Amino acid sequence: MALLGLLIGSHVHAADTLQLARLDGDRATLIELGVDGERHSMPLPSTLTTPLGSVWKLYVHAYALDRKLPDPGYQCTGQNIDEVYCCDPGQRIDRDQALVHSCGLYYAPARLGIDASSWRAYWQARKAPAWLLDLSTLQPQTEVPVAELLASLSVVAVLVSP
């Protein structure tokens, strides 16, 4: 089984800590790392959530690869402030580069022609969590359970593996 980890945030208490959620097989763990080098490990609380952030692009990427959707590229015009994550005006970016650069404009489902019902059926067949079945929830601010995020990312890892 592959080990999958996700940095889920940092919190300020008496001292700064980082939280890392980890999935090893069926075992989900929360690891808190203090700036003093102290490390605490515990079972992942089922109620722990995190914003989806840029991770939503991974799901679109995996879907596009697995469904063999054409790569239309994205042409930067300089007209959208979010192009700073994509390319310089006049340049073009392809699917893999867009993922590396975290170019959300490339991965916009409507731009790629992703149909909501096909998306839903695809992820339902992979036993994805409910928040992944609805294209409208693919937003950076969408709060999702960390355990579900880790489990669904393990499916994505299989889909994009060579």
N, C-alpha and C. Protein backbone atom coordinates (compact mmCIF):
# COMPACT_ATOMS: atom_id res chain seq x y z
N MET A 1 0.84 -1.18 0.00
CA MET A 1 0.00 0.00 0.00
C MET A 1 0.88 1.24 0.00
N ALA A 2 0.43 2.24 -0.70
CA ALA A 2 1.16 3.51 -0.78
C ALA A 2 0.82 4.38 0.42
N LEU A 3 1.76 5.17 0.79
CA LEU A 3 1.58 6.14 1.86
C LEU A 3 1.19 7.45 1.22
N LEU A 4 0.16 8.10 1.74
CA LEU A 4 -0.32 9.36 1.20
C LEU A 4 -0.40 10.35 2.34
N GLY A 5 0.17 11.54 2.14
CA GLY A 5 0.14 12.56 3.18
C GLY A 5 -0.38 13.87 2.63
N LEU A 6 -0.90 14.70 3.53
CA LEU A 6 -1.47 15.98 3.14
C LEU A 6 -1.25 16.97 4.26
N LEU A 7 -0.56 18.05 3.97
CA LEU A 7 -0.40 19.13 4.93
C LEU A 7 -1.73 19.85 5.00
N ILE A 8 -2.36 19.85 6.17
CA ILE A 8 -3.70 20.42 6.25
C ILE A 8 -3.75 21.77 6.92
N GLY A 9 -2.65 22.24 7.46
CA GLY A 9 -2.68 23.60 7.99
C GLY A 9 -1.72 23.80 9.13
N SER A 10 -1.66 25.03 9.52
CA SER A 10 -0.85 25.39 10.68
C SER A 10 -1.73 26.18 11.63
N HIS A 11 -1.45 26.04 12.88
CA HIS A 11 -2.23 26.71 13.92
C HIS A 11 -1.29 27.37 14.90
N VAL A 12 -1.75 28.44 15.47
CA VAL A 12 -0.96 29.11 16.48
C VAL A 12 -1.63 28.89 17.83
N HIS A 13 -0.95 28.21 18.70
CA HIS A 13 -1.38 28.03 20.09
C HIS A 13 -0.31 28.71 20.92
N ALA A 14 0.15 28.04 21.95
CA ALA A 14 1.28 28.57 22.71
C ALA A 14 2.51 28.57 21.82
N ALA A 15 2.57 27.62 20.90
CA ALA A 15 3.67 27.55 19.93
C ALA A 15 3.07 27.17 18.57
N ASP A 16 3.78 27.49 17.52
CA ASP A 16 3.31 27.13 16.19
C ASP A 16 3.37 25.61 16.01
N THR A 17 2.37 25.07 15.32
CA THR A 17 2.37 23.66 14.97
C THR A 17 1.90 23.51 13.53
N LEU A 18 2.37 22.47 12.90
CA LEU A 18 1.87 22.08 11.58
C LEU A 18 1.11 20.79 11.75
N GLN A 19 0.03 20.63 10.99
CA GLN A 19 -0.72 19.39 11.03
C GLN A 19 -0.56 18.68 9.70
N LEU A 20 -0.26 17.41 9.77
CA LEU A 20 -0.11 16.57 8.60
C LEU A 20 -1.05 15.38 8.76
N ALA A 21 -1.94 15.20 7.80
CA ALA A 21 -2.82 14.03 7.79
C ALA A 21 -2.16 12.99 6.90
N ARG A 22 -2.18 11.76 7.35
CA ARG A 22 -1.47 10.69 6.65
C ARG A 22 -2.36 9.46 6.55
N LEU A 23 -2.34 8.86 5.37
CA LEU A 23 -3.09 7.63 5.14
C LEU A 23 -2.10 6.56 4.73
N ASP A 24 -2.04 5.51 5.52
CA ASP A 24 -1.15 4.39 5.24
C ASP A 24 -2.02 3.14 5.20
N GLY A 25 -2.38 2.71 3.98
CA GLY A 25 -3.34 1.62 3.86
C GLY A 25 -4.70 2.13 4.30
N ASP A 26 -5.27 1.49 5.31
CA ASP A 26 -6.56 1.91 5.86
C ASP A 26 -6.40 2.76 7.11
N ARG A 27 -5.18 3.01 7.53
CA ARG A 27 -4.92 3.71 8.78
C ARG A 27 -4.68 5.20 8.52
N ALA A 28 -5.57 6.05 9.05
CA ALA A 28 -5.45 7.50 8.91
C ALA A 28 -4.94 8.08 10.22
N THR A 29 -3.92 8.91 10.12
CA THR A 29 -3.26 9.47 11.29
C THR A 29 -3.12 10.98 11.14
N LEU A 30 -3.22 11.69 12.26
CA LEU A 30 -2.95 13.11 12.31
C LEU A 30 -1.64 13.29 13.06
N ILE A 31 -0.71 13.98 12.44
CA ILE A 31 0.58 14.23 13.06
C ILE A 31 0.72 15.73 13.27
N GLU A 32 1.00 16.13 14.50
CA GLU A 32 1.24 17.54 14.79
C GLU A 32 2.73 17.72 15.04
N LEU A 33 3.31 18.65 14.29
CA LEU A 33 4.73 18.93 14.40
C LEU A 33 4.91 20.33 14.99
N GLY A 34 5.59 20.41 16.13
CA GLY A 34 5.85 21.69 16.75
C GLY A 34 7.17 22.27 16.28
N VAL A 35 7.31 23.59 16.41
CA VAL A 35 8.56 24.24 15.99
C VAL A 35 9.73 23.79 16.86
N ASP A 36 9.41 23.26 18.03
CA ASP A 36 10.46 22.78 18.93
C ASP A 36 10.90 21.36 18.58
N GLY A 37 10.36 20.82 17.49
CA GLY A 37 10.72 19.47 17.06
C GLY A 37 9.85 18.39 17.68
N GLU A 38 8.95 18.78 18.56
CA GLU A 38 8.07 17.81 19.19
C GLU A 38 7.05 17.30 18.18
N ARG A 39 6.76 16.01 18.25
CA ARG A 39 5.84 15.37 17.31
C ARG A 39 4.81 14.56 18.08
N HIS A 40 3.55 14.80 17.76
CA HIS A 40 2.45 14.04 18.36
C HIS A 40 1.67 13.36 17.24
N SER A 41 1.39 12.10 17.43
CA SER A 41 0.65 11.33 16.44
C SER A 41 -0.60 10.77 17.10
N MET A 42 -1.71 10.84 16.39
CA MET A 42 -2.99 10.34 16.93
C MET A 42 -3.87 9.90 15.77
N PRO A 43 -4.88 9.11 16.06
CA PRO A 43 -5.83 8.75 14.98
C PRO A 43 -6.46 10.03 14.43
N LEU A 44 -6.72 10.05 13.13
CA LEU A 44 -7.32 11.20 12.48
C LEU A 44 -8.76 11.36 12.97
N PRO A 45 -9.09 12.51 13.57
CA PRO A 45 -10.48 12.72 14.01
C PRO A 45 -11.43 12.74 12.80
N SER A 46 -12.54 12.06 12.90
CA SER A 46 -13.49 11.97 11.78
C SER A 46 -14.14 13.32 11.48
N THR A 47 -14.11 14.24 12.44
CA THR A 47 -14.75 15.54 12.26
C THR A 47 -13.81 16.60 11.68
N LEU A 48 -12.54 16.26 11.49
CA LEU A 48 -11.57 17.23 10.99
C LEU A 48 -11.82 17.54 9.53
N THR A 49 -11.93 18.84 9.20
CA THR A 49 -12.13 19.27 7.83
C THR A 49 -11.02 20.24 7.42
N THR A 50 -10.92 20.44 6.12
CA THR A 50 -9.95 21.38 5.55
C THR A 50 -10.52 21.93 4.26
N PRO A 51 -10.14 23.15 3.88
CA PRO A 51 -10.59 23.66 2.58
C PRO A 51 -9.96 22.83 1.45
N LEU A 52 -10.68 22.69 0.38
CA LEU A 52 -10.20 21.94 -0.78
C LEU A 52 -8.98 22.60 -1.40
N GLY A 53 -8.91 23.92 -1.34
CA GLY A 53 -7.75 24.63 -1.87
C GLY A 53 -7.50 24.29 -3.33
N SER A 54 -6.25 24.15 -3.70
CA SER A 54 -5.87 23.85 -5.08
C SER A 54 -6.02 22.38 -5.45
N VAL A 55 -6.36 21.55 -4.48
CA VAL A 55 -6.45 20.11 -4.72
C VAL A 55 -7.54 19.77 -5.74
N TRP A 56 -8.55 20.62 -5.89
CA TRP A 56 -9.63 20.33 -6.82
C TRP A 56 -9.11 20.09 -8.24
N LYS A 57 -8.01 20.75 -8.59
CA LYS A 57 -7.45 20.61 -9.93
C LYS A 57 -6.95 19.18 -10.19
N LEU A 58 -6.52 18.51 -9.15
CA LEU A 58 -6.06 17.11 -9.30
C LEU A 58 -7.20 16.21 -9.78
N TYR A 59 -8.39 16.45 -9.27
CA TYR A 59 -9.54 15.62 -9.68
C TYR A 59 -9.89 15.86 -11.15
N VAL A 60 -9.87 17.11 -11.57
CA VAL A 60 -10.16 17.42 -12.97
C VAL A 60 -9.06 16.83 -13.86
N HIS A 61 -7.82 16.96 -13.42
CA HIS A 61 -6.69 16.41 -14.18
C HIS A 61 -6.83 14.89 -14.36
N ALA A 62 -7.10 14.20 -13.27
CA ALA A 62 -7.25 12.73 -13.32
C ALA A 62 -8.42 12.34 -14.23
N TYR A 63 -9.53 13.05 -14.12
CA TYR A 63 -10.70 12.79 -14.94
C TYR A 63 -10.36 12.97 -16.42
N ALA A 64 -9.71 14.09 -16.74
CA ALA A 64 -9.36 14.38 -18.14
C ALA A 64 -8.41 13.32 -18.72
N LEU A 65 -7.43 12.91 -17.91
CA LEU A 65 -6.49 11.88 -18.39
C LEU A 65 -7.19 10.55 -18.60
N ASP A 66 -7.96 10.13 -17.59
CA ASP A 66 -8.60 8.82 -17.66
C ASP A 66 -9.65 8.76 -18.77
N ARG A 67 -10.35 9.85 -19.00
CA ARG A 67 -11.37 9.90 -20.04
C ARG A 67 -10.78 10.25 -21.41
N LYS A 68 -9.46 10.47 -21.43
CA LYS A 68 -8.75 10.81 -22.66
C LYS A 68 -9.34 12.04 -23.37
N LEU A 69 -9.66 13.05 -22.54
CA LEU A 69 -10.16 14.30 -23.10
C LEU A 69 -9.03 15.01 -23.83
N PRO A 70 -9.33 15.71 -24.90
CA PRO A 70 -8.28 16.45 -25.61
C PRO A 70 -7.72 17.55 -24.70
N ASP A 71 -6.45 17.88 -24.93
CA ASP A 71 -5.79 18.95 -24.18
C ASP A 71 -5.88 20.22 -25.00
N PRO A 72 -6.84 21.12 -24.67
CA PRO A 72 -7.02 22.32 -25.46
C PRO A 72 -5.99 23.41 -25.17
N GLY A 73 -5.18 23.21 -24.14
CA GLY A 73 -4.23 24.24 -23.76
C GLY A 73 -4.95 25.48 -23.25
N TYR A 74 -4.20 26.40 -22.73
CA TYR A 74 -4.76 27.67 -22.29
C TYR A 74 -3.84 28.77 -22.78
N GLN A 75 -4.39 29.74 -23.46
CA GLN A 75 -3.63 30.87 -24.00
C GLN A 75 -3.79 32.04 -23.04
N CYS A 76 -2.69 32.52 -22.50
CA CYS A 76 -2.73 33.67 -21.60
C CYS A 76 -2.80 34.96 -22.41
N THR A 77 -3.74 35.81 -22.05
CA THR A 77 -3.95 37.07 -22.76
C THR A 77 -3.53 38.27 -21.94
N GLY A 78 -3.39 38.08 -20.64
CA GLY A 78 -3.09 39.20 -19.75
C GLY A 78 -4.35 39.91 -19.28
N GLN A 79 -5.51 39.37 -19.63
CA GLN A 79 -6.79 40.00 -19.28
C GLN A 79 -7.36 39.51 -17.95
N ASN A 80 -6.80 38.44 -17.40
CA ASN A 80 -7.32 37.88 -16.16
C ASN A 80 -6.20 37.84 -15.12
N ILE A 81 -6.45 38.40 -13.96
CA ILE A 81 -5.42 38.46 -12.91
C ILE A 81 -4.95 37.06 -12.49
N ASP A 82 -5.83 36.06 -12.59
CA ASP A 82 -5.46 34.69 -12.19
C ASP A 82 -4.48 34.03 -13.16
N GLU A 83 -4.22 34.67 -14.30
CA GLU A 83 -3.23 34.12 -15.23
C GLU A 83 -1.82 34.13 -14.65
N VAL A 84 -1.62 34.85 -13.56
CA VAL A 84 -0.31 34.86 -12.91
C VAL A 84 0.11 33.44 -12.53
N TYR A 85 -0.86 32.53 -12.33
CA TYR A 85 -0.59 31.14 -11.99
C TYR A 85 -0.40 30.27 -13.24
N CYS A 86 -0.60 30.85 -14.40
CA CYS A 86 -0.60 30.06 -15.63
C CYS A 86 0.62 30.32 -16.50
N CYS A 87 0.67 31.51 -17.07
CA CYS A 87 1.74 31.85 -18.01
C CYS A 87 1.74 33.34 -18.24
N ASP A 88 2.76 33.81 -18.92
CA ASP A 88 2.86 35.22 -19.28
C ASP A 88 1.95 35.51 -20.47
N PRO A 89 1.49 36.76 -20.60
CA PRO A 89 0.65 37.10 -21.75
C PRO A 89 1.31 36.70 -23.07
N GLY A 90 0.51 36.08 -23.92
CA GLY A 90 0.99 35.61 -25.21
C GLY A 90 1.50 34.17 -25.19
N GLN A 91 1.71 33.61 -23.99
CA GLN A 91 2.18 32.23 -23.90
C GLN A 91 0.99 31.28 -23.76
N ARG A 92 1.26 30.02 -24.01
CA ARG A 92 0.26 28.95 -23.92
C ARG A 92 0.76 27.92 -22.93
N ILE A 93 -0.17 27.30 -22.22
CA ILE A 93 0.18 26.28 -21.23
C ILE A 93 -0.66 25.04 -21.51
N ASP A 94 -0.05 23.85 -21.37
CA ASP A 94 -0.80 22.61 -21.60
C ASP A 94 -1.24 22.02 -20.26
N ARG A 95 -1.92 20.89 -20.32
CA ARG A 95 -2.53 20.28 -19.14
C ARG A 95 -1.52 20.00 -18.02
N ASP A 96 -0.41 19.36 -18.35
CA ASP A 96 0.57 19.02 -17.31
C ASP A 96 1.22 20.27 -16.72
N GLN A 97 1.55 21.24 -17.57
CA GLN A 97 2.13 22.49 -17.07
C GLN A 97 1.12 23.23 -16.20
N ALA A 98 -0.15 23.18 -16.58
CA ALA A 98 -1.19 23.85 -15.81
C ALA A 98 -1.29 23.27 -14.40
N LEU A 99 -1.11 21.97 -14.29
CA LEU A 99 -1.16 21.36 -12.97
C LEU A 99 0.04 21.79 -12.13
N VAL A 100 1.21 21.79 -12.72
CA VAL A 100 2.42 22.20 -12.01
C VAL A 100 2.31 23.65 -11.55
N HIS A 101 1.74 24.51 -12.40
CA HIS A 101 1.62 25.94 -12.08
C HIS A 101 0.36 26.26 -11.27
N SER A 102 -0.48 25.26 -11.03
CA SER A 102 -1.75 25.45 -10.32
C SER A 102 -2.65 26.44 -11.04
N CYS A 103 -2.76 26.27 -12.34
CA CYS A 103 -3.55 27.17 -13.20
C CYS A 103 -5.02 26.74 -13.19
N GLY A 104 -5.78 27.36 -12.31
CA GLY A 104 -7.20 27.05 -12.22
C GLY A 104 -7.98 27.42 -13.47
N LEU A 105 -7.53 28.43 -14.18
CA LEU A 105 -8.22 28.83 -15.41
C LEU A 105 -8.21 27.70 -16.44
N TYR A 106 -7.11 26.98 -16.52
CA TYR A 106 -7.04 25.84 -17.43
C TYR A 106 -8.08 24.79 -17.03
N TYR A 107 -8.16 24.49 -15.73
CA TYR A 107 -8.97 23.38 -15.23
C TYR A 107 -10.44 23.69 -15.01
N ALA A 108 -10.89 24.87 -15.38
CA ALA A 108 -12.31 25.20 -15.23
C ALA A 108 -13.14 24.16 -15.99
N PRO A 109 -13.99 23.40 -15.30
CA PRO A 109 -14.74 22.33 -15.95
C PRO A 109 -15.55 22.79 -17.17
N ALA A 110 -16.16 23.96 -17.12
CA ALA A 110 -16.94 24.44 -18.27
C ALA A 110 -16.04 24.68 -19.47
N ARG A 111 -14.85 25.21 -19.26
CA ARG A 111 -13.92 25.46 -20.36
C ARG A 111 -13.48 24.16 -21.02
N LEU A 112 -13.34 23.11 -20.22
CA LEU A 112 -12.92 21.81 -20.74
C LEU A 112 -14.09 21.00 -21.29
N GLY A 113 -15.30 21.53 -21.17
CA GLY A 113 -16.48 20.85 -21.69
C GLY A 113 -16.90 19.64 -20.86
N ILE A 114 -16.61 19.68 -19.58
CA ILE A 114 -16.96 18.56 -18.70
C ILE A 114 -18.44 18.65 -18.34
N ASP A 115 -19.17 17.62 -18.67
CA ASP A 115 -20.59 17.52 -18.41
C ASP A 115 -20.82 17.06 -16.97
N ALA A 116 -21.72 17.75 -16.25
CA ALA A 116 -21.96 17.45 -14.83
C ALA A 116 -22.45 16.02 -14.61
N SER A 117 -23.29 15.50 -15.48
CA SER A 117 -23.81 14.14 -15.27
C SER A 117 -22.73 13.09 -15.55
N SER A 118 -21.88 13.33 -16.54
CA SER A 118 -20.78 12.40 -16.80
C SER A 118 -19.78 12.41 -15.65
N TRP A 119 -19.50 13.61 -15.14
CA TRP A 119 -18.61 13.77 -13.99
C TRP A 119 -19.14 12.96 -12.80
N ARG A 120 -20.43 13.15 -12.52
CA ARG A 120 -21.06 12.48 -11.38
C ARG A 120 -20.97 10.96 -11.54
N ALA A 121 -21.33 10.45 -12.70
CA ALA A 121 -21.30 9.00 -12.93
C ALA A 121 -19.88 8.46 -12.81
N TYR A 122 -18.92 9.20 -13.34
CA TYR A 122 -17.51 8.78 -13.28
C TYR A 122 -17.05 8.61 -11.83
N TRP A 123 -17.30 9.63 -11.01
CA TRP A 123 -16.81 9.58 -9.63
C TRP A 123 -17.66 8.67 -8.75
N GLN A 124 -18.94 8.53 -9.07
CA GLN A 124 -19.77 7.57 -8.33
C GLN A 124 -19.25 6.16 -8.52
N ALA A 125 -18.84 5.83 -9.73
CA ALA A 125 -18.30 4.50 -10.03
C ALA A 125 -17.02 4.22 -9.24
N ARG A 126 -16.35 5.28 -8.81
CA ARG A 126 -15.11 5.14 -8.02
C ARG A 126 -15.35 5.34 -6.54
N LYS A 127 -16.63 5.33 -6.16
CA LYS A 127 -17.05 5.45 -4.76
C LYS A 127 -16.49 6.71 -4.09
N ALA A 128 -16.53 7.80 -4.83
CA ALA A 128 -16.03 9.08 -4.33
C ALA A 128 -17.02 9.66 -3.31
N PRO A 129 -16.53 10.52 -2.43
CA PRO A 129 -17.41 11.17 -1.45
C PRO A 129 -18.40 12.11 -2.16
N ALA A 130 -19.49 12.42 -1.48
CA ALA A 130 -20.57 13.23 -2.06
C ALA A 130 -20.09 14.59 -2.56
N TRP A 131 -19.16 15.22 -1.86
CA TRP A 131 -18.70 16.55 -2.27
C TRP A 131 -17.97 16.52 -3.62
N LEU A 132 -17.47 15.37 -4.03
CA LEU A 132 -16.77 15.27 -5.31
C LEU A 132 -17.72 14.98 -6.47
N LEU A 133 -18.93 14.59 -6.17
CA LEU A 133 -19.88 14.23 -7.23
C LEU A 133 -20.49 15.45 -7.91
N ASP A 134 -20.45 16.58 -7.27
CA ASP A 134 -21.07 17.80 -7.78
C ASP A 134 -19.99 18.77 -8.24
N LEU A 135 -19.96 19.08 -9.53
CA LEU A 135 -18.94 19.99 -10.08
C LEU A 135 -18.92 21.35 -9.38
N SER A 136 -20.07 21.80 -8.89
CA SER A 136 -20.13 23.12 -8.27
C SER A 136 -19.37 23.17 -6.93
N THR A 137 -19.06 22.02 -6.35
CA THR A 137 -18.31 22.02 -5.09
C THR A 137 -16.80 22.08 -5.31
N LEU A 138 -16.36 22.02 -6.55
CA LEU A 138 -14.93 22.09 -6.84
C LEU A 138 -14.46 23.53 -6.74
N GLN A 139 -14.42 24.02 -5.53
CA GLN A 139 -14.03 25.39 -5.23
C GLN A 139 -12.98 25.36 -4.12
N PRO A 140 -12.00 26.24 -4.17
CA PRO A 140 -10.96 26.25 -3.13
C PRO A 140 -11.52 26.37 -1.71
N GLN A 141 -12.61 27.09 -1.52
CA GLN A 141 -13.14 27.32 -0.18
C GLN A 141 -14.03 26.19 0.33
N THR A 142 -14.34 25.20 -0.48
CA THR A 142 -15.19 24.08 -0.05
C THR A 142 -14.50 23.30 1.06
N GLU A 143 -15.14 23.22 2.21
CA GLU A 143 -14.61 22.45 3.35
C GLU A 143 -14.97 20.98 3.16
N VAL A 144 -13.98 20.12 3.28
CA VAL A 144 -14.20 18.68 3.10
C VAL A 144 -13.58 17.92 4.27
N PRO A 145 -14.14 16.77 4.62
CA PRO A 145 -13.53 15.95 5.65
C PRO A 145 -12.16 15.45 5.20
N VAL A 146 -11.16 15.59 6.06
CA VAL A 146 -9.80 15.22 5.71
C VAL A 146 -9.69 13.74 5.37
N ALA A 147 -10.38 12.89 6.12
CA ALA A 147 -10.31 11.45 5.85
C ALA A 147 -10.85 11.13 4.45
N GLU A 148 -11.94 11.79 4.06
CA GLU A 148 -12.50 11.57 2.72
C GLU A 148 -11.56 12.12 1.64
N LEU A 149 -10.93 13.24 1.91
CA LEU A 149 -9.98 13.82 0.97
C LEU A 149 -8.81 12.87 0.73
N LEU A 150 -8.26 12.34 1.79
CA LEU A 150 -7.14 11.40 1.66
C LEU A 150 -7.55 10.16 0.88
N ALA A 151 -8.70 9.59 1.22
CA ALA A 151 -9.16 8.38 0.53
C ALA A 151 -9.39 8.64 -0.95
N SER A 152 -9.99 9.79 -1.28
CA SER A 152 -10.26 10.08 -2.69
C SER A 152 -8.96 10.40 -3.44
N LEU A 153 -7.98 10.98 -2.76
CA LEU A 153 -6.70 11.24 -3.42
C LEU A 153 -5.96 9.95 -3.71
N SER A 154 -6.19 8.92 -2.92
CA SER A 154 -5.54 7.64 -3.22
C SER A 154 -6.10 7.05 -4.52
N VAL A 155 -7.37 7.33 -4.82
CA VAL A 155 -7.96 6.90 -6.10
C VAL A 155 -7.33 7.70 -7.24
N VAL A 156 -7.16 9.01 -7.04
CA VAL A 156 -6.55 9.87 -8.05
C VAL A 156 -5.14 9.40 -8.34
N ALA A 157 -4.39 9.03 -7.31
CA ALA A 157 -3.02 8.58 -7.49
C ALA A 157 -2.96 7.37 -8.42
N VAL A 158 -3.90 6.47 -8.29
CA VAL A 158 -3.95 5.29 -9.16
C VAL A 158 -4.30 5.70 -10.60
N LEU A 159 -5.20 6.65 -10.75
CA LEU A 159 -5.64 7.08 -12.08
C LEU A 159 -4.53 7.76 -12.88
N VAL A 160 -3.67 8.49 -12.21
CA VAL A 160 -2.64 9.25 -12.92
C VAL A 160 -1.28 8.54 -12.93
N SER A 161 -1.20 7.38 -12.31
CA SER A 161 0.07 6.63 -12.32
C SER A 161 0.36 6.12 -13.72
N PRO A 162 1.64 6.18 -14.12
CA PRO A 162 2.00 5.69 -15.46
C PRO A 162 1.87 4.18 -15.57
